PDB file of N, CA and C in Angstrom:
ATOM      1  N   LEU A   1      24.924   3.713  27.780  1.00  0.00           N
ATOM      2  CA  LEU A   1      24.547   4.320  27.036  1.00  0.00           C
ATOM      3  C   LEU A   1      22.900   3.724  26.364  1.00  0.00           C
ATOM      4  N   SER A   2      22.085   5.052  26.469  1.00  0.00           N
ATOM      5  CA  SER A   2      20.734   4.609  26.246  1.00  0.00           C
ATOM      6  C   SER A   2      20.644   5.028  24.794  1.00  0.00           C
ATOM      7  N   THR A   3      19.239   4.726  24.612  1.00  0.00           N
ATOM      8  CA  THR A   3      18.791   4.896  22.866  1.00  0.00           C
ATOM      9  C   THR A   3      17.878   5.557  23.078  1.00  0.00           C
ATOM     10  N   PHE A   4      17.287   6.523  22.474  1.00  0.00           N
ATOM     11  CA  PHE A   4      16.518   7.476  22.248  1.00  0.00           C
ATOM     12  C   PHE A   4      14.978   6.349  21.786  1.00  0.00           C
ATOM     13  N   VAL A   5      14.072   6.615  22.475  1.00  0.00           N
ATOM     14  CA  VAL A   5      12.811   5.905  21.781  1.00  0.00           C
ATOM     15  C   VAL A   5      11.794   7.071  21.338  1.00  0.00           C
ATOM     16  N   PHE A   6      11.673   7.216  20.093  1.00  0.00           N
ATOM     17  CA  PHE A   6      10.973   8.169  19.466  1.00  0.00           C
ATOM     18  C   PHE A   6       9.669   7.997  19.819  1.00  0.00           C
ATOM     19  N   PRO A   7       8.851   8.557  20.911  1.00  0.00           N
ATOM     20  CA  PRO A   7       7.406   8.834  21.126  1.00  0.00           C
ATOM     21  C   PRO A   7       6.186   8.342  20.228  1.00  0.00           C
ATOM     22  N   ASP A   8       5.367   7.551  20.525  1.00  0.00           N
ATOM     23  CA  ASP A   8       3.971   7.293  19.467  1.00  0.00           C
ATOM     24  C   ASP A   8       3.295   8.431  19.651  1.00  0.00           C
ATOM     25  N   SER A   9       2.993   8.969  18.137  1.00  0.00           N
ATOM     26  CA  SER A   9       2.300  10.397  18.550  1.00  0.00           C
ATOM     27  C   SER A   9       0.386   9.772  17.592  1.00  0.00           C
ATOM     28  N   SER A  10       0.546   8.390  17.868  1.00  0.00           N
ATOM     29  CA  SER A  10      -0.698   8.492  17.003  1.00  0.00           C
ATOM     30  C   SER A  10      -2.478   8.780  17.413  1.00  0.00           C
ATOM     31  N   ASN A  11      -2.019   8.638  18.945  1.00  0.00           N
ATOM     32  CA  ASN A  11      -3.505   9.279  19.681  1.00  0.00           C
ATOM     33  C   ASN A  11      -3.135  10.648  20.448  1.00  0.00           C
ATOM     34  N   LYS A  12      -2.250  11.225  19.774  1.00  0.00           N
ATOM     35  CA  LYS A  12      -1.879  12.880  20.847  1.00  0.00           C
ATOM     36  C   LYS A  12      -2.304  13.938  19.908  1.00  0.00           C
ATOM     37  N   THR A  13      -2.368  15.014  20.848  1.00  0.00           N
ATOM     38  CA  THR A  13      -2.655  16.315  19.901  1.00  0.00           C
ATOM     39  C   THR A  13      -1.223  16.946  19.720  1.00  0.00           C
ATOM     40  N   THR A  14      -1.150  17.225  18.051  1.00  0.00           N
ATOM     41  CA  THR A  14      -0.109  17.932  18.162  1.00  0.00           C
ATOM     42  C   THR A  14      -0.178  19.212  17.455  1.00  0.00           C
ATOM     43  N   ILE A  15       0.441  20.370  17.873  1.00  0.00           N
ATOM     44  CA  ILE A  15       0.233  21.615  17.116  1.00  0.00           C
ATOM     45  C   ILE A  15       1.478  22.039  16.183  1.00  0.00           C
ATOM     46  N   THR A  16       1.270  22.466  14.706  1.00  0.00           N
ATOM     47  CA  THR A  16       2.617  22.597  14.210  1.00  0.00           C
ATOM     48  C   THR A  16       2.464  24.013  13.806  1.00  0.00           C
ATOM     49  N   ILE A  17       3.880  24.681  13.703  1.00  0.00           N
ATOM     50  CA  ILE A  17       3.826  26.143  13.617  1.00  0.00           C
ATOM     51  C   ILE A  17       4.729  26.091  12.493  1.00  0.00           C
ATOM     52  N   GLU A  18       4.065  26.468  11.258  1.00  0.00           N
ATOM     53  CA  GLU A  18       4.995  27.047   9.842  1.00  0.00           C
ATOM     54  C   GLU A  18       5.090  28.384   9.921  1.00  0.00           C
ATOM     55  N   PHE A  19       6.434  28.439   9.746  1.00  0.00           N
ATOM     56  CA  PHE A  19       6.757  30.274   9.543  1.00  0.00           C
ATOM     57  C   PHE A  19       7.664  30.529   8.369  1.00  0.00           C
ATOM     58  N   CYS A  20       7.937  31.541   7.408  1.00  0.00           N
ATOM     59  CA  CYS A  20       9.037  32.133   6.760  1.00  0.00           C
ATOM     60  C   CYS A  20      10.234  32.158   7.580  1.00  0.00           C
ATOM     61  N   ASP A  21      10.821  31.459   7.004  1.00  0.00           N
ATOM     62  CA  ASP A  21      12.775  31.905   8.045  1.00  0.00           C
ATOM     63  C   ASP A  21      13.000  32.874   7.183  1.00  0.00           C
ATOM     64  N   ARG A  22      12.863  33.644   6.490  1.00  0.00           N
ATOM     65  CA  ARG A  22      13.678  34.725   5.600  1.00  0.00           C
ATOM     66  C   ARG A  22      14.075  35.834   6.423  1.00  0.00           C
ATOM     67  N   SER A  23      13.005  36.406   7.395  1.00  0.00           N
ATOM     68  CA  SER A  23      13.738  37.309   8.126  1.00  0.00           C
ATOM     69  C   SER A  23      13.681  36.627   9.461  1.00  0.00           C
ATOM     70  N   ARG A  24      14.613  36.163  10.050  1.00  0.00           N
ATOM     71  CA  ARG A  24      14.851  35.233  11.027  1.00  0.00           C
ATOM     72  C   ARG A  24      14.258  35.565  12.561  1.00  0.00           C
ATOM     73  N   LEU A  25      14.624  36.810  12.424  1.00  0.00           N
ATOM     74  CA  LEU A  25      14.283  37.320  14.120  1.00  0.00           C
ATOM     75  C   LEU A  25      12.983  37.570  14.532  1.00  0.00           C
ATOM     76  N   CYS A  26      11.983  38.151  13.449  1.00  0.00           N
ATOM     77  CA  CYS A  26      10.768  38.178  13.594  1.00  0.00           C
ATOM     78  C   CYS A  26       9.942  36.485  13.708  1.00  0.00           C
ATOM     79  N   ARG A  27      10.092  36.525  12.979  1.00  0.00           N
ATOM     80  CA  ARG A  27       8.816  35.051  12.685  1.00  0.00           C
ATOM     81  C   ARG A  27       9.513  33.968  13.648  1.00  0.00           C
ATOM     82  N   LEU A  28      10.775  33.719  13.552  1.00  0.00           N
ATOM     83  CA  LEU A  28      11.185  32.785  14.602  1.00  0.00           C
ATOM     84  C   LEU A  28      11.051  33.105  16.159  1.00  0.00           C
ATOM     85  N   HIS A  29      11.318  34.653  16.664  1.00  0.00           N
ATOM     86  CA  HIS A  29      10.913  34.946  17.727  1.00  0.00           C
ATOM     87  C   HIS A  29       9.443  34.497  17.870  1.00  0.00           C
ATOM     88  N   ARG A  30       8.662  34.829  17.493  1.00  0.00           N
ATOM     89  CA  ARG A  30       7.556  34.772  17.437  1.00  0.00           C
ATOM     90  C   ARG A  30       6.713  33.387  17.611  1.00  0.00           C
ATOM     91  N   ALA A  31       7.287  32.200  16.806  1.00  0.00           N
ATOM     92  CA  ALA A  31       7.042  31.271  16.758  1.00  0.00           C
ATOM     93  C   ALA A  31       7.346  30.547  17.781  1.00  0.00           C
ATOM     94  N   THR A  32       8.500  30.674  18.739  1.00  0.00           N
ATOM     95  CA  THR A  32       9.267  30.201  19.758  1.00  0.00           C
ATOM     96  C   THR A  32       8.165  30.798  21.002  1.00  0.00           C
ATOM     97  N   TRP A  33       7.579  31.773  20.791  1.00  0.00           N
ATOM     98  CA  TRP A  33       7.352  32.393  22.027  1.00  0.00           C
ATOM     99  C   TRP A  33       5.623  32.019  21.978  1.00  0.00           C
ATOM    100  N   ILE A  34       5.027  31.664  20.725  1.00  0.00           N
ATOM    101  CA  ILE A  34       3.787  31.353  20.938  1.00  0.00           C
ATOM    102  C   ILE A  34       3.555  29.717  21.074  1.00  0.00           C
ATOM    103  N   GLN A  35       4.835  28.890  20.704  1.00  0.00           N
ATOM    104  CA  GLN A  35       5.166  27.643  21.483  1.00  0.00           C
ATOM    105  C   GLN A  35       5.092  27.422  23.005  1.00  0.00           C
ATOM    106  N   THR A  36       5.853  28.447  23.316  1.00  0.00           N
ATOM    107  CA  THR A  36       6.471  28.656  25.086  1.00  0.00           C
ATOM    108  C   THR A  36       4.780  28.622  25.725  1.00  0.00           C
ATOM    109  N   GLU A  37       4.227  29.675  24.869  1.00  0.00           N
ATOM    110  CA  GLU A  37       2.732  30.236  25.815  1.00  0.00           C
ATOM    111  C   GLU A  37       1.777  28.548  25.512  1.00  0.00           C
ATOM    112  N   LEU A  38       1.863  28.355  24.648  1.00  0.00           N
ATOM    113  CA  LEU A  38       1.055  26.835  24.406  1.00  0.00           C
ATOM    114  C   LEU A  38       1.294  25.920  25.065  1.00  0.00           C
ATOM    115  N   CYS A  39       2.750  25.660  25.183  1.00  0.00           N
ATOM    116  CA  CYS A  39       2.725  24.796  26.391  1.00  0.00           C
ATOM    117  C   CYS A  39       2.798  25.043  27.610  1.00  0.00           C
ATOM    118  N   LEU A  40       2.667  26.190  28.091  1.00  0.00           N
ATOM    119  CA  LEU A  40       2.360  26.584  29.195  1.00  0.00           C
ATOM    120  C   LEU A  40       0.720  26.742  29.755  1.00  0.00           C
ATOM    121  N   THR A  41      -0.224  27.182  28.620  1.00  0.00           N
ATOM    122  CA  THR A  41      -1.266  26.923  28.460  1.00  0.00           C
ATOM    123  C   THR A  41      -2.156  25.568  28.608  1.00  0.00           C
ATOM    124  N   PHE A  42      -1.733  24.898  27.895  1.00  0.00           N
ATOM    125  CA  PHE A  42      -2.161  23.465  27.593  1.00  0.00           C
ATOM    126  C   PHE A  42      -0.784  22.408  27.853  1.00  0.00           C
ATOM    127  N   PRO A  43      -0.484  22.409  28.825  1.00  0.00           N
ATOM    128  CA  PRO A  43       0.352  20.986  29.022  1.00  0.00           C
ATOM    129  C   PRO A  43      -0.001  19.587  28.790  1.00  0.00           C
ATOM    130  N   SER A  44       0.984  18.961  28.858  1.00  0.00           N
ATOM    131  CA  SER A  44       0.637  17.466  28.488  1.00  0.00           C
ATOM    132  C   SER A  44       0.125  16.799  29.489  1.00  0.00           C
ATOM    133  N   PRO A  45      -1.199  16.124  28.865  1.00  0.00           N
ATOM    134  CA  PRO A  45      -1.310  15.331  27.827  1.00  0.00           C
ATOM    135  C   PRO A  45      -2.480  16.362  27.070  1.00  0.00           C
ATOM    136  N   ALA A  46      -2.791  17.428  27.233  1.00  0.00           N
ATOM    137  CA  ALA A  46      -3.815  18.199  26.339  1.00  0.00           C
ATOM    138  C   ALA A  46      -2.744  18.287  24.729  1.00  0.00           C
ATOM    139  N   ILE A  47      -1.707  19.206  25.130  1.00  0.00           N
ATOM    140  CA  ILE A  47      -0.940  18.965  23.952  1.00  0.00           C
ATOM    141  C   ILE A  47       0.212  18.009  24.114  1.00  0.00           C
ATOM    142  N   GLU A  48       0.571  17.244  23.215  1.00  0.00           N
ATOM    143  CA  GLU A  48       1.643  16.326  23.552  1.00  0.00           C
ATOM    144  C   GLU A  48       2.477  16.730  23.021  1.00  0.00           C
ATOM    145  N   SER A  49       2.599  17.628  21.623  1.00  0.00           N
ATOM    146  CA  SER A  49       4.189  18.162  20.951  1.00  0.00           C
ATOM    147  C   SER A  49       3.730  19.653  20.072  1.00  0.00           C
ATOM    148  N   ILE A  50       4.517  20.554  20.164  1.00  0.00           N
ATOM    149  CA  ILE A  50       4.593  21.474  19.174  1.00  0.00           C
ATOM    150  C   ILE A  50       5.563  21.594  18.547  1.00  0.00           C
ATOM    151  N   ILE A  51       5.538  21.344  16.980  1.00  0.00           N
ATOM    152  CA  ILE A  51       6.158  21.119  16.174  1.00  0.00           C
ATOM    153  C   ILE A  51       6.444  22.846  15.319  1.00  0.00           C
ATOM    154  N   LEU A  52       8.002  23.268  15.308  1.00  0.00           N
ATOM    155  CA  LEU A  52       8.123  24.052  14.604  1.00  0.00           C
ATOM    156  C   LEU A  52       8.931  23.980  13.656  1.00  0.00           C
ATOM    157  N   ILE A  53       8.352  24.461  12.112  1.00  0.00           N
ATOM    158  CA  ILE A  53       8.618  24.403  10.616  1.00  0.00           C
ATOM    159  C   ILE A  53       9.325  25.229   9.963  1.00  0.00           C
ATOM    160  N   PRO A  54      10.672  25.843  10.137  1.00  0.00           N
ATOM    161  CA  PRO A  54      11.119  27.157   9.483  1.00  0.00           C
ATOM    162  C   PRO A  54      10.942  26.820   7.718  1.00  0.00           C
ATOM    163  N   LEU A  55      10.498  27.428   7.076  1.00  0.00           N
ATOM    164  CA  LEU A  55      10.414  27.728   5.219  1.00  0.00           C
ATOM    165  C   LEU A  55      11.102  28.879   5.223  1.00  0.00           C
ATOM    166  N   ASN A  56      11.617  28.528   3.872  1.00  0.00           N
ATOM    167  CA  ASN A  56      12.286  29.828   3.132  1.00  0.00           C
ATOM    168  C   ASN A  56      12.500  29.491   2.000  1.00  0.00           C
ATOM    169  N   ALA A  57      11.524  29.158   0.956  1.00  0.00           N
ATOM    170  CA  ALA A  57      11.086  28.723  -0.464  1.00  0.00           C
ATOM    171  C   ALA A  57      10.149  30.066  -0.736  1.00  0.00           C
ATOM    172  N   ASP A  58      10.693  30.354  -1.833  1.00  0.00           N
ATOM    173  CA  ASP A  58       9.857  31.241  -2.724  1.00  0.00           C
ATOM    174  C   ASP A  58       8.202  31.498  -2.586  1.00  0.00           C
ATOM    175  N   GLU A  59       7.680  30.223  -2.351  1.00  0.00           N
ATOM    176  CA  GLU A  59       6.309  30.179  -2.186  1.00  0.00           C
ATOM    177  C   GLU A  59       5.607  30.072  -0.669  1.00  0.00           C
ATOM    178  N   THR A  60       6.665  30.580   0.015  1.00  0.00           N
ATOM    179  CA  THR A  60       6.542  30.134   1.544  1.00  0.00           C
ATOM    180  C   THR A  60       6.446  31.231   1.898  1.00  0.00           C
ATOM    181  N   ALA A  61       7.009  32.477   1.546  1.00  0.00           N
ATOM    182  CA  ALA A  61       7.544  34.112   1.504  1.00  0.00           C
ATOM    183  C   ALA A  61       6.588  34.239   2.440  1.00  0.00           C
ATOM    184  N   GLY A  62       6.910  35.001   3.576  1.00  0.00           N
ATOM    185  CA  GLY A  62       5.750  35.628   4.580  1.00  0.00           C
ATOM    186  C   GLY A  62       4.785  35.217   5.580  1.00  0.00           C
ATOM    187  N   ARG A  63       4.974  33.543   5.164  1.00  0.00           N
ATOM    188  CA  ARG A  63       3.908  32.458   5.864  1.00  0.00           C
ATOM    189  C   ARG A  63       3.945  32.323   7.222  1.00  0.00           C
ATOM    190  N   PHE A  64       3.358  32.268   8.228  1.00  0.00           N
ATOM    191  CA  PHE A  64       2.905  31.863   9.370  1.00  0.00           C
ATOM    192  C   PHE A  64       1.547  31.303   9.838  1.00  0.00           C
ATOM    193  N   ARG A  65       1.756  30.195  10.003  1.00  0.00           N
ATOM    194  CA  ARG A  65       0.511  29.551  10.000  1.00  0.00           C
ATOM    195  C   ARG A  65       0.617  28.577  11.076  1.00  0.00           C
ATOM    196  N   VAL A  66      -0.554  28.229  12.053  1.00  0.00           N
ATOM    197  CA  VAL A  66      -0.581  27.138  13.004  1.00  0.00           C
ATOM    198  C   VAL A  66      -1.928  25.878  12.702  1.00  0.00           C
ATOM    199  N   TRP A  67      -1.445  24.826  12.836  1.00  0.00           N
ATOM    200  CA  TRP A  67      -2.249  23.879  12.838  1.00  0.00           C
ATOM    201  C   TRP A  67      -2.261  22.700  13.712  1.00  0.00           C
ATOM    202  N   LEU A  68      -3.681  22.437  13.830  1.00  0.00           N
ATOM    203  CA  LEU A  68      -3.742  21.781  14.967  1.00  0.00           C
ATOM    204  C   LEU A  68      -4.205  20.117  14.272  1.00  0.00           C
ATOM    205  N   SER A  69      -3.560  19.064  15.224  1.00  0.00           N
ATOM    206  CA  SER A  69      -4.062  17.750  14.823  1.00  0.00           C
ATOM    207  C   SER A  69      -4.321  16.949  15.792  1.00  0.00           C
ATOM    208  N   HIS A  70      -5.388  16.203  15.875  1.00  0.00           N
ATOM    209  CA  HIS A  70      -5.625  15.323  17.168  1.00  0.00           C
ATOM    210  C   HIS A  70      -6.124  13.923  17.309  1.00  0.00           C
ATOM    211  N   GLY A  71      -5.747  13.404  18.056  1.00  0.00           N
ATOM    212  CA  GLY A  71      -5.933  11.667  17.957  1.00  0.00           C
ATOM    213  C   GLY A  71      -5.594  10.885  16.616  1.00  0.00           C
ATOM    214  N   ALA A  72      -6.340  10.523  15.966  1.00  0.00           N
ATOM    215  CA  ALA A  72      -5.866   9.476  14.799  1.00  0.00           C
ATOM    216  C   ALA A  72      -5.816  10.431  13.638  1.00  0.00           C
ATOM    217  N   ASP A  73      -6.355  11.764  13.881  1.00  0.00           N
ATOM    218  CA  ASP A  73      -6.395  12.752  12.441  1.00  0.00           C
ATOM    219  C   ASP A  73      -5.030  13.339  12.433  1.00  0.00           C
ATOM    220  N   LEU A  74      -3.911  12.839  12.693  1.00  0.00           N
ATOM    221  CA  LEU A  74      -2.175  13.036  12.651  1.00  0.00           C
ATOM    222  C   LEU A  74      -2.496  13.337  11.168  1.00  0.00           C
ATOM    223  N   GLY A  75      -1.666  14.339  10.765  1.00  0.00           N
ATOM    224  CA  GLY A  75      -1.056  14.533   9.043  1.00  0.00           C
ATOM    225  C   GLY A  75      -1.815  15.471   8.260  1.00  0.00           C
ATOM    226  N   ALA A  76      -1.400  16.089   7.316  1.00  0.00           N
ATOM    227  CA  ALA A  76      -1.422  17.302   6.781  1.00  0.00           C
ATOM    228  C   ALA A  76      -2.841  17.091   6.357  1.00  0.00           C
ATOM    229  N   GLU A  77      -3.423  16.183   5.654  1.00  0.00           N
ATOM    230  CA  GLU A  77      -4.988  15.742   5.338  1.00  0.00           C
ATOM    231  C   GLU A  77      -5.666  16.097   6.584  1.00  0.00           C
ATOM    232  N   ARG A  78      -5.552  16.121   7.163  1.00  0.00           N
ATOM    233  CA  ARG A  78      -6.531  15.904   8.765  1.00  0.00           C
ATOM    234  C   ARG A  78      -6.154  16.603   9.494  1.00  0.00           C
ATOM    235  N   ALA A  79      -5.275  18.114   9.540  1.00  0.00           N
ATOM    236  CA  ALA A  79      -5.130  18.698   9.983  1.00  0.00           C
ATOM    237  C   ALA A  79      -5.801  19.971   9.955  1.00  0.00           C
ATOM    238  N   GLU A  80      -6.511  20.668  11.369  1.00  0.00           N
ATOM    239  CA  GLU A  80      -7.227  22.089  11.191  1.00  0.00           C
ATOM    240  C   GLU A  80      -6.349  23.279  11.164  1.00  0.00           C
ATOM    241  N   LEU A  81      -6.910  24.041  10.343  1.00  0.00           N
ATOM    242  CA  LEU A  81      -5.972  25.212  10.367  1.00  0.00           C
ATOM    243  C   LEU A  81      -6.459  26.207  11.336  1.00  0.00           C
ATOM    244  N   MET A  82      -5.561  26.832  12.241  1.00  0.00           N
ATOM    245  CA  MET A  82      -5.912  27.351  13.454  1.00  0.00           C
ATOM    246  C   MET A  82      -5.915  29.015  13.184  1.00  0.00           C
ATOM    247  N   TRP A  83      -4.466  29.178  12.653  1.00  0.00           N
ATOM    248  CA  TRP A  83      -4.502  30.542  11.841  1.00  0.00           C
ATOM    249  C   TRP A  83      -3.632  30.813  10.865  1.00  0.00           C
ATOM    250  N   ASP A  84      -3.868  31.697  10.010  1.00  0.00           N
ATOM    251  CA  ASP A  84      -3.024  31.984   9.201  1.00  0.00           C
ATOM    252  C   ASP A  84      -2.997  33.165   8.665  1.00  0.00           C
ATOM    253  N   ARG A  85      -1.645  33.897   8.799  1.00  0.00           N
ATOM    254  CA  ARG A  85      -1.178  35.346   8.786  1.00  0.00           C
ATOM    255  C   ARG A  85      -1.657  35.932   7.593  1.00  0.00           C
ATOM    256  N   LYS A  86      -1.708  34.898   6.198  1.00  0.00           N
ATOM    257  CA  LYS A  86      -2.143  35.853   4.988  1.00  0.00           C
ATOM    258  C   LYS A  86      -3.337  35.830   4.768  1.00  0.00           C
ATOM    259  N   THR A  87      -4.334  35.113   5.422  1.00  0.00           N
ATOM    260  CA  THR A  87      -5.645  35.081   5.160  1.00  0.00           C
ATOM    261  C   THR A  87      -6.452  35.943   6.634  1.00  0.00           C
ATOM    262  N   GLU A  88      -5.525  35.976   7.544  1.00  0.00           N
ATOM    263  CA  GLU A  88      -6.294  36.403   8.859  1.00  0.00           C
ATOM    264  C   GLU A  88      -5.817  38.022   8.770  1.00  0.00           C
ATOM    265  N   GLY A  89      -5.105  38.625   8.057  1.00  0.00           N
ATOM    266  CA  GLY A  89      -4.422  39.750   7.758  1.00  0.00           C
ATOM    267  C   GLY A  89      -3.373  40.331   9.005  1.00  0.00           C
ATOM    268  N   GLY A  90      -2.860  39.235   9.375  1.00  0.00           N
ATOM    269  CA  GLY A  90      -1.752  39.673  10.457  1.00  0.00           C
ATOM    270  C   GLY A  90      -1.510  38.275  11.117  1.00  0.00           C
ATOM    271  N   PHE A  91      -0.179  38.889  12.504  1.00  0.00           N
ATOM    272  CA  PHE A  91       0.121  37.333  13.261  1.00  0.00           C
ATOM    273  C   PHE A  91      -1.433  37.391  14.178  1.00  0.00           C
ATOM    274  N   PRO A  92      -1.197  36.177  15.028  1.00  0.00           N
ATOM    275  CA  PRO A  92      -2.485  35.863  15.726  1.00  0.00           C
ATOM    276  C   PRO A  92      -1.856  36.948  17.221  1.00  0.00           C
ATOM    277  N   GLU A  93      -3.336  37.004  17.801  1.00  0.00           N
ATOM    278  CA  GLU A  93      -3.351  37.652  18.839  1.00  0.00           C
ATOM    279  C   GLU A  93      -3.050  36.577  20.099  1.00  0.00           C
ATOM    280  N   LEU A  94      -2.329  36.092  20.818  1.00  0.00           N
ATOM    281  CA  LEU A  94      -2.230  35.083  21.546  1.00  0.00           C
ATOM    282  C   LEU A  94      -3.476  34.943  22.252  1.00  0.00           C
ATOM    283  N   LYS A  95      -4.228  35.453  22.671  1.00  0.00           N
ATOM    284  CA  LYS A  95      -5.309  35.134  23.407  1.00  0.00           C
ATOM    285  C   LYS A  95      -6.252  34.406  22.445  1.00  0.00           C
ATOM    286  N   THR A  96      -6.658  35.348  21.336  1.00  0.00           N
ATOM    287  CA  THR A  96      -7.748  34.085  20.193  1.00  0.00           C
ATOM    288  C   THR A  96      -6.950  33.298  19.766  1.00  0.00           C
ATOM    289  N   LEU A  97      -5.833  32.870  19.638  1.00  0.00           N
ATOM    290  CA  LEU A  97      -4.952  31.974  19.048  1.00  0.00           C
ATOM    291  C   LEU A  97      -5.454  30.455  20.337  1.00  0.00           C
ATOM    292  N   LYS A  98      -5.103  31.310  21.245  1.00  0.00           N
ATOM    293  CA  LYS A  98      -5.564  30.257  22.642  1.00  0.00           C
ATOM    294  C   LYS A  98      -7.069  29.734  22.689  1.00  0.00           C
ATOM    295  N   GLN A  99      -7.756  30.910  22.458  1.00  0.00           N
ATOM    296  CA  GLN A  99      -9.540  30.607  22.563  1.00  0.00           C
ATOM    297  C   GLN A  99      -9.666  29.546  21.597  1.00  0.00           C
ATOM    298  N   ARG A 100      -9.258  29.411  20.189  1.00  0.00           N
ATOM    299  CA  ARG A 100      -9.339  28.400  19.276  1.00  0.00           C
ATOM    300  C   ARG A 100      -8.918  27.232  19.470  1.00  0.00           C
ATOM    301  N   ILE A 101      -7.851  27.212  19.944  1.00  0.00           N
ATOM    302  CA  ILE A 101      -7.239  25.922  20.189  1.00  0.00           C
ATOM    303  C   ILE A 101      -8.188  25.204  21.359  1.00  0.00           C
ATOM    304  N   ARG A 102      -8.457  26.140  22.329  1.00  0.00           N
ATOM    305  CA  ARG A 102      -9.279  25.512  23.750  1.00  0.00           C
ATOM    306  C   ARG A 102      -9.891  24.801  22.852  1.00  0.00           C
ATOM    307  N   ASP A 103     -11.200  25.975  22.654  1.00  0.00           N
ATOM    308  CA  ASP A 103     -12.492  25.289  22.174  1.00  0.00           C
ATOM    309  C   ASP A 103     -12.499  24.069  21.199  1.00  0.00           C
ATOM    310  N   LYS A 104     -11.328  23.719  20.409  1.00  0.00           N
ATOM    311  CA  LYS A 104     -11.210  22.430  19.893  1.00  0.00           C
ATOM    312  C   LYS A 104     -10.435  21.186  20.705  1.00  0.00           C
ATOM    313  N   ILE A 105      -9.713  21.386  21.603  1.00  0.00           N
ATOM    314  CA  ILE A 105      -9.397  20.310  22.528  1.00  0.00           C
ATOM    315  C   ILE A 105      -9.615  20.227  24.061  1.00  0.00           C
ATOM    316  N   GLN A 106     -10.256  21.418  24.702  1.00  0.00           N
ATOM    317  CA  GLN A 106     -10.749  21.462  26.172  1.00  0.00           C
ATOM    318  C   GLN A 106     -11.654  22.096  26.398  1.00  0.00           C
ATOM    319  N   PRO A 107     -12.578  22.089  25.482  1.00  0.00           N
ATOM    320  CA  PRO A 107     -13.698  23.262  25.611  1.00  0.00           C
ATOM    321  C   PRO A 107     -14.738  23.803  27.099  1.00  0.00           C
ATOM    322  N   GLY A 108     -13.867  23.199  28.015  1.00  0.00           N
ATOM    323  CA  GLY A 108     -14.458  23.565  29.439  1.00  0.00           C
ATOM    324  C   GLY A 108     -13.594  24.528  30.159  1.00  0.00           C
ATOM    325  N   LYS A 109     -12.034  24.793  29.698  1.00  0.00           N
ATOM    326  CA  LYS A 109     -11.030  25.381  30.167  1.00  0.00           C
ATOM    327  C   LYS A 109     -11.080  26.384  30.322  1.00  0.00           C
ATOM    328  N   SER A 110     -10.970  26.949  31.419  1.00  0.00           N
ATOM    329  CA  SER A 110     -11.120  28.412  31.692  1.00  0.00           C
ATOM    330  C   SER A 110      -9.533  28.700  31.586  1.00  0.00           C
ATOM    331  N   LEU A 111      -9.043  30.125  30.543  1.00  0.00           N
ATOM    332  CA  LEU A 111      -8.285  30.660  30.125  1.00  0.00           C
ATOM    333  C   LEU A 111      -7.403  31.468  30.879  1.00  0.00           C
ATOM    334  N   GLY A 112      -8.552  31.929  32.302  1.00  0.00           N
ATOM    335  CA  GLY A 112      -8.252  33.126  33.123  1.00  0.00           C
ATOM    336  C   GLY A 112      -8.273  34.543  32.310  1.00  0.00           C
ATOM    337  N   HIS A 113      -7.265  35.330  32.323  1.00  0.00           N
ATOM    338  CA  HIS A 113      -7.427  36.673  31.556  1.00  0.00           C
ATOM    339  C   HIS A 113      -7.658  36.382  30.487  1.00  0.00           C
ATOM    340  N   SER A 114      -7.117  35.768  29.523  1.00  0.00           N
ATOM    341  CA  SER A 114      -7.221  35.213  28.524  1.00  0.00           C
ATOM    342  C   SER A 114      -8.783  34.932  28.072  1.00  0.00           C
ATOM    343  N   ASP A 115      -9.524  34.681  28.869  1.00  0.00           N
ATOM    344  CA  ASP A 115     -11.093  34.642  28.411  1.00  0.00           C
ATOM    345  C   ASP A 115     -11.877  35.972  28.787  1.00  0.00           C
ATOM    346  N   LYS A 116     -11.148  36.928  29.112  1.00  0.00           N
ATOM    347  CA  LYS A 116     -12.246  38.215  29.764  1.00  0.00           C
ATOM    348  C   LYS A 116     -11.980  39.131  28.301  1.00  0.00           C
ATOM    349  N   LYS A 117     -13.224  39.557  28.039  1.00  0.00           N
ATOM    350  CA  LYS A 117     -13.353  40.599  26.639  1.00  0.00           C
ATOM    351  C   LYS A 117     -12.456  41.325  27.155  1.00  0.00           C
ATOM    352  N   SER A 118     -11.956  41.794  25.560  1.00  0.00           N
ATOM    353  CA  SER A 118     -11.456  43.458  25.509  1.00  0.00           C
ATOM    354  C   SER A 118     -11.794  44.433  25.653  1.00  0.00           C
ATOM    355  N   GLU A 119     -11.428  45.578  26.069  1.00  0.00           N
ATOM    356  CA  GLU A 119     -12.329  46.608  26.168  1.00  0.00           C
ATOM    357  C   GLU A 119     -11.961  47.808  25.610  1.00  0.00           C
TER     358      GLU A 119
END
């Protein structure tokens, strides 16, 4: 029998995706899709973990926010908001979200087709 040892995240980069879970399919699928894409684009150690937080309280209705915490800055008071559906006027284009995260954690990294300008 083995024992799970919770990883030390004190010096790691973490993405947290908060989403309203009232309309389960739409936002849950979007959150997991973004989680998968970010895992593929920024494999460990660039991003150590991506946390999904489903919310269903009245005050979180419609919420979809993406937070970045890196290094010793972990914690809500030190996290940086990468996207907020309500203030940005909609869900993130994956290209834009990847660019914002890349600019914070790996500024020199090429994102391939996600770096090309839209025409």
